[in-house]
């Protein structure tokens, strides 16, 4: 099982993998895929933050889960992500 903080290594590992494929001659240009990963990464981190904070809150305060039902989600589907730079 992967620890929650280990998930953040996924996008950088994918970028490194595409660069490796390029260096070995299996991929002509990794930059297109790397740009796509860069665009998705903030959203990926936001989903992780919501998921693991949801689990931590429900574990610490089981009364919330008991009151709202078994498969409780604290966060709704809406969120805002901003990148700088």
C-alpha atoms as a PDB file:
ATOM      1  CA  UNK A   1       0.000   0.000   0.000  1.00  0.00           C
ATOM      2  CA  UNK A   2       1.266   3.460  -0.853  1.00  0.00           C
ATOM      3  CA  UNK A   3       1.420   6.102   1.839  1.00  0.00           C
ATOM      4  CA  UNK A   4      -0.560   9.293   1.072  1.00  0.00           C
ATOM      5  CA  UNK A   5       2.527  11.462   0.608  1.00  0.00           C
ATOM      6  CA  UNK A   6       4.049   9.003  -1.894  1.00  0.00           C
ATOM      7  CA  UNK A   7       1.334   9.773  -4.467  1.00  0.00           C
ATOM      8  CA  UNK A   8       2.865  13.201  -5.104  1.00  0.00           C
ATOM      9  CA  UNK A   9       5.889  11.458  -6.644  1.00  0.00           C
ATOM     10  CA  UNK A  10       3.732  10.137  -9.514  1.00  0.00           C
ATOM     11  CA  UNK A  11       3.733  13.119 -11.902  1.00  0.00           C
ATOM     12  CA  UNK A  12       7.483  13.852 -11.541  1.00  0.00           C
ATOM     13  CA  UNK A  13       8.228  10.150 -12.039  1.00  0.00           C
ATOM     14  CA  UNK A  14       6.174  10.123 -15.242  1.00  0.00           C
ATOM     15  CA  UNK A  15       8.045  13.164 -16.550  1.00  0.00           C
ATOM     16  CA  UNK A  16      11.363  11.492 -15.780  1.00  0.00           C
ATOM     17  CA  UNK A  17      10.172   8.323 -17.525  1.00  0.00           C
ATOM     18  CA  UNK A  18       9.282  10.257 -20.701  1.00  0.00           C
ATOM     19  CA  UNK A  19      12.690  11.958 -20.656  1.00  0.00           C
ATOM     20  CA  UNK A  20      14.328   8.549 -20.250  1.00  0.00           C
ATOM     21  CA  UNK A  21      12.388   7.195 -23.236  1.00  0.00           C
ATOM     22  CA  UNK A  22      13.574  10.183 -25.255  1.00  0.00           C
ATOM     23  CA  UNK A  23      17.212   9.692 -24.243  1.00  0.00           C
ATOM     24  CA  UNK A  24      17.048   6.014 -25.237  1.00  0.00           C
ATOM     25  CA  UNK A  25      15.548   6.890 -28.621  1.00  0.00           C
ATOM     26  CA  UNK A  26      12.091   5.410 -28.042  1.00  0.00           C
ATOM     27  CA  UNK A  27      10.357   8.793 -28.115  1.00  0.00           C
ATOM     28  CA  UNK A  28      11.008  11.695 -30.465  1.00  0.00           C
ATOM     29  CA  UNK A  29       9.834  14.586 -28.311  1.00  0.00           C
ATOM     30  CA  UNK A  30       8.815  14.186 -24.663  1.00  0.00           C
ATOM     31  CA  UNK A  31       7.937  17.866 -24.183  1.00  0.00           C
ATOM     32  CA  UNK A  32       4.318  17.526 -25.363  1.00  0.00           C
ATOM     33  CA  UNK A  33       3.605  14.844 -22.778  1.00  0.00           C
ATOM     34  CA  UNK A  34       5.542  16.684 -20.077  1.00  0.00           C
ATOM     35  CA  UNK A  35       3.461  19.835 -20.697  1.00  0.00           C
ATOM     36  CA  UNK A  36       0.276  17.772 -20.355  1.00  0.00           C
ATOM     37  CA  UNK A  37       1.497  16.315 -17.068  1.00  0.00           C
ATOM     38  CA  UNK A  38       2.414  19.829 -15.878  1.00  0.00           C
ATOM     39  CA  UNK A  39      -1.137  21.009 -16.653  1.00  0.00           C
ATOM     40  CA  UNK A  40      -2.745  18.081 -14.817  1.00  0.00           C
ATOM     41  CA  UNK A  41      -0.451  18.025 -11.807  1.00  0.00           C
ATOM     42  CA  UNK A  42      -2.151  20.816  -9.772  1.00  0.00           C
ATOM     43  CA  UNK A  43      -5.536  19.120 -10.214  1.00  0.00           C
ATOM     44  CA  UNK A  44      -4.065  15.761  -9.253  1.00  0.00           C
ATOM     45  CA  UNK A  45      -2.607  17.238  -6.054  1.00  0.00           C
ATOM     46  CA  UNK A  46      -5.955  18.871  -5.250  1.00  0.00           C
ATOM     47  CA  UNK A  47      -7.783  15.559  -5.616  1.00  0.00           C
ATOM     48  CA  UNK A  48      -5.228  13.902  -3.319  1.00  0.00           C
ATOM     49  CA  UNK A  49      -5.562  16.679  -0.773  1.00  0.00           C
ATOM     50  CA  UNK A  50      -9.314  16.331  -0.672  1.00  0.00           C
ATOM     51  CA  UNK A  51      -9.265  12.538  -0.528  1.00  0.00           C
ATOM     52  CA  UNK A  52      -6.696  12.184   2.216  1.00  0.00           C
ATOM     53  CA  UNK A  53      -7.950  15.105   4.278  1.00  0.00           C
ATOM     54  CA  UNK A  54     -11.462  13.636   3.977  1.00  0.00           C
ATOM     55  CA  UNK A  55     -10.220  10.270   5.287  1.00  0.00           C
ATOM     56  CA  UNK A  56      -8.197  11.887   8.093  1.00  0.00           C
ATOM     57  CA  UNK A  57     -11.122  14.031   9.255  1.00  0.00           C
ATOM     58  CA  UNK A  58     -13.533  11.083   9.242  1.00  0.00           C
ATOM     59  CA  UNK A  59     -11.029   8.932  11.122  1.00  0.00           C
ATOM     60  CA  UNK A  60     -10.461  11.596  13.768  1.00  0.00           C
ATOM     61  CA  UNK A  61     -14.156  12.455  14.102  1.00  0.00           C
ATOM     62  CA  UNK A  62     -16.158   9.237  13.559  1.00  0.00           C
ATOM     63  CA  UNK A  63     -19.318  10.994  14.751  1.00  0.00           C
ATOM     64  CA  UNK A  64     -19.410  12.774  11.372  1.00  0.00           C
ATOM     65  CA  UNK A  65     -19.416   9.442   9.529  1.00  0.00           C
ATOM     66  CA  UNK A  66     -22.000   8.004  11.909  1.00  0.00           C
ATOM     67  CA  UNK A  67     -24.246  11.053  11.540  1.00  0.00           C
ATOM     68  CA  UNK A  68     -24.002  11.403   7.744  1.00  0.00           C
ATOM     69  CA  UNK A  69     -23.859   7.747   6.780  1.00  0.00           C
ATOM     70  CA  UNK A  70     -21.271   5.205   5.723  1.00  0.00           C
ATOM     71  CA  UNK A  71     -19.708   6.545   2.527  1.00  0.00           C
ATOM     72  CA  UNK A  72     -19.363  10.173   3.557  1.00  0.00           C
ATOM     73  CA  UNK A  73     -17.628  12.763   1.398  1.00  0.00           C
ATOM     74  CA  UNK A  74     -16.864  16.061   3.096  1.00  0.00           C
ATOM     75  CA  UNK A  75     -15.745  17.895  -0.045  1.00  0.00           C
ATOM     76  CA  UNK A  76     -17.965  18.557  -3.036  1.00  0.00           C
ATOM     77  CA  UNK A  77     -16.844  18.282  -6.664  1.00  0.00           C
ATOM     78  CA  UNK A  78     -16.016  21.994  -7.073  1.00  0.00           C
ATOM     79  CA  UNK A  79     -12.549  23.355  -6.426  1.00  0.00           C
ATOM     80  CA  UNK A  80     -10.177  26.082  -7.550  1.00  0.00           C
ATOM     81  CA  UNK A  81      -6.560  25.544  -8.553  1.00  0.00           C
ATOM     82  CA  UNK A  82      -4.222  28.337  -9.541  1.00  0.00           C
ATOM     83  CA  UNK A  83      -0.665  28.155 -10.770  1.00  0.00           C
ATOM     84  CA  UNK A  84       1.832  30.972 -10.635  1.00  0.00           C
ATOM     85  CA  UNK A  85       4.643  31.369 -13.108  1.00  0.00           C
END
